[in-house]
C-alpha atoms as a PDB file:
ATOM      1  CA  MET A   1     -16.619 -17.235  -5.301  1.00  0.00           C
ATOM      2  CA  LYS A   2     -16.107 -15.606  -8.705  1.00  0.00           C
ATOM      3  CA  ARG A   3     -15.360 -12.268  -7.060  1.00  0.00           C
ATOM      4  CA  PHE A   4     -12.839 -13.902  -4.702  1.00  0.00           C
ATOM      5  CA  ILE A   5     -11.001 -15.478  -7.627  1.00  0.00           C
ATOM      6  CA  THR A   6     -10.971 -12.133  -9.459  1.00  0.00           C
ATOM      7  CA  ILE A   7      -9.485 -10.422  -6.401  1.00  0.00           C
ATOM      8  CA  ILE A   8      -6.787 -13.094  -6.079  1.00  0.00           C
ATOM      9  CA  LEU A   9      -5.904 -12.810  -9.779  1.00  0.00           C
ATOM     10  CA  ILE A  10      -5.655  -9.016  -9.574  1.00  0.00           C
ATOM     11  CA  PHE A  11      -3.455  -9.306  -6.487  1.00  0.00           C
ATOM     12  CA  LEU A  12      -1.142 -11.754  -8.258  1.00  0.00           C
ATOM     13  CA  LEU A  13      -0.927  -9.569 -11.346  1.00  0.00           C
ATOM     14  CA  LEU A  14      -0.247  -6.434  -9.319  1.00  0.00           C
ATOM     15  CA  PHE A  15       2.297  -7.804  -6.911  1.00  0.00           C
ATOM     16  CA  CYS A  16       4.003 -10.768  -8.538  1.00  0.00           C
ATOM     17  CA  GLY A  17       6.562  -9.558 -11.004  1.00  0.00           C
ATOM     18  CA  LEU A  18       4.654  -7.287 -13.348  1.00  0.00           C
ATOM     19  CA  LYS A  19       5.921  -3.706 -13.416  1.00  0.00           C
ATOM     20  CA  ASP A  20       4.091  -0.407 -13.528  1.00  0.00           C
ATOM     21  CA  GLY A  21       3.914   0.596 -17.157  1.00  0.00           C
ATOM     22  CA  ASP A  22       3.645  -2.989 -18.390  1.00  0.00           C
ATOM     23  CA  ILE A  23      -0.032  -2.544 -19.126  1.00  0.00           C
ATOM     24  CA  ASN A  24      -0.563  -5.674 -21.192  1.00  0.00           C
ATOM     25  CA  GLY A  25       1.415  -7.886 -18.807  1.00  0.00           C
ATOM     26  CA  ASP A  26       3.994  -9.237 -21.242  1.00  0.00           C
ATOM     27  CA  TYR A  27       6.883  -8.377 -18.848  1.00  0.00           C
ATOM     28  CA  ARG A  28       8.137  -5.661 -21.215  1.00  0.00           C
ATOM     29  CA  ILE A  29       7.357  -1.970 -21.409  1.00  0.00           C
ATOM     30  CA  ASN A  30       7.091  -1.275 -25.111  1.00  0.00           C
ATOM     31  CA  GLU A  31       5.145   0.465 -27.841  1.00  0.00           C
ATOM     32  CA  HIS A  32       2.112  -1.729 -27.233  1.00  0.00           C
ATOM     33  CA  ASP A  33       1.823  -0.416 -23.666  1.00  0.00           C
ATOM     34  CA  LEU A  34       2.141   3.151 -24.975  1.00  0.00           C
ATOM     35  CA  GLU A  35      -0.639   2.489 -27.469  1.00  0.00           C
ATOM     36  CA  LEU A  36      -2.946   1.020 -24.810  1.00  0.00           C
ATOM     37  CA  CYS A  37      -2.381   4.052 -22.596  1.00  0.00           C
ATOM     38  CA  ARG A  38      -2.925   6.476 -25.492  1.00  0.00           C
ATOM     39  CA  GLU A  39      -6.138   4.749 -26.528  1.00  0.00           C
ATOM     40  CA  HIS A  40      -7.423   4.913 -22.948  1.00  0.00           C
ATOM     41  CA  ILE A  41      -6.665   8.646 -22.702  1.00  0.00           C
ATOM     42  CA  LEU A  42      -8.375   9.294 -26.060  1.00  0.00           C
ATOM     43  CA  ARG A  43     -11.326   7.104 -24.974  1.00  0.00           C
ATOM     44  CA  ILE A  44     -10.879   4.750 -27.923  1.00  0.00           C
ATOM     45  CA  SER A  45     -10.713   1.840 -25.462  1.00  0.00           C
ATOM     46  CA  HIS A  46     -10.777   1.505 -21.698  1.00  0.00           C
ATOM     47  CA  LEU A  47      -8.367  -0.069 -19.231  1.00  0.00           C
ATOM     48  CA  HIS A  48      -9.825  -2.013 -16.319  1.00  0.00           C
ATOM     49  CA  GLY A  49      -8.560  -3.806 -13.243  1.00  0.00           C
ATOM     50  CA  ALA A  50      -4.881  -4.686 -13.155  1.00  0.00           C
ATOM     51  CA  GLU A  51      -4.236  -3.065 -16.545  1.00  0.00           C
ATOM     52  CA  PHE A  52      -5.566   0.241 -15.205  1.00  0.00           C
ATOM     53  CA  TRP A  53      -3.410   0.075 -12.071  1.00  0.00           C
ATOM     54  CA  ARG A  54      -0.255  -0.780 -14.035  1.00  0.00           C
ATOM     55  CA  ALA A  55      -0.980   2.181 -16.350  1.00  0.00           C
ATOM     56  CA  ASP A  56      -1.520   4.578 -13.425  1.00  0.00           C
ATOM     57  CA  ILE A  57       2.205   5.069 -12.771  1.00  0.00           C
ATOM     58  CA  ASN A  58       1.889   7.964 -10.326  1.00  0.00           C
ATOM     59  CA  LYS A  59      -1.013   6.268  -8.481  1.00  0.00           C
ATOM     60  CA  ASP A  60      -3.337   9.302  -8.546  1.00  0.00           C
ATOM     61  CA  GLY A  61      -6.351   7.169  -9.516  1.00  0.00           C
ATOM     62  CA  LYS A  62      -6.456   8.164 -13.176  1.00  0.00           C
ATOM     63  CA  VAL A  63      -4.551   7.358 -16.347  1.00  0.00           C
ATOM     64  CA  ASP A  64      -3.568  10.571 -18.100  1.00  0.00           C
ATOM     65  CA  SER A  65      -0.787  12.253 -20.069  1.00  0.00           C
ATOM     66  CA  THR A  66       1.506  12.194 -17.030  1.00  0.00           C
ATOM     67  CA  ASP A  67       1.327   8.394 -16.945  1.00  0.00           C
ATOM     68  CA  LEU A  68       1.830   8.244 -20.705  1.00  0.00           C
ATOM     69  CA  THR A  69       5.000  10.332 -20.317  1.00  0.00           C
ATOM     70  CA  TYR A  70       6.307   8.021 -17.603  1.00  0.00           C
ATOM     71  CA  ILE A  71       5.609   4.965 -19.768  1.00  0.00           C
ATOM     72  CA  LEU A  72       7.423   6.639 -22.672  1.00  0.00           C
ATOM     73  CA  ILE A  73      10.450   7.236 -20.421  1.00  0.00           C
ATOM     74  CA  LEU A  74      10.392   3.656 -19.113  1.00  0.00           C
ATOM     75  CA  ASN A  75      10.148   2.366 -22.692  1.00  0.00           C
ATOM     76  CA  LYS A  76      13.184   4.395 -23.742  1.00  0.00           C
ATOM     77  CA  GLU A  77      15.166   3.287 -20.668  1.00  0.00           C
ATOM     78  CA  GLY A  78      14.417  -0.354 -21.470  1.00  0.00           C
ATOM     79  CA  LYS A  79      15.901   0.025 -24.960  1.00  0.00           C
ATOM     80  CA  GLN A  80      19.251   1.371 -23.794  1.00  0.00           C
END
């Protein structure tokens, strides 16, 4: 049952309004999302579940400098 609830929550987070790049799920792509991505790449902290999938912008199964660049662009676009 716990696994089922987890799957439902991940589905809702992935497909109900949250955008790729909004790693922390606050409905904004900002410096905090950039920091989470950077820390994951540098192995300071790790992203899991829905956070990982929102950080993996190009959907290649990993969060790397390419995704960080996309998040940086999305952050700048959101400020204009």
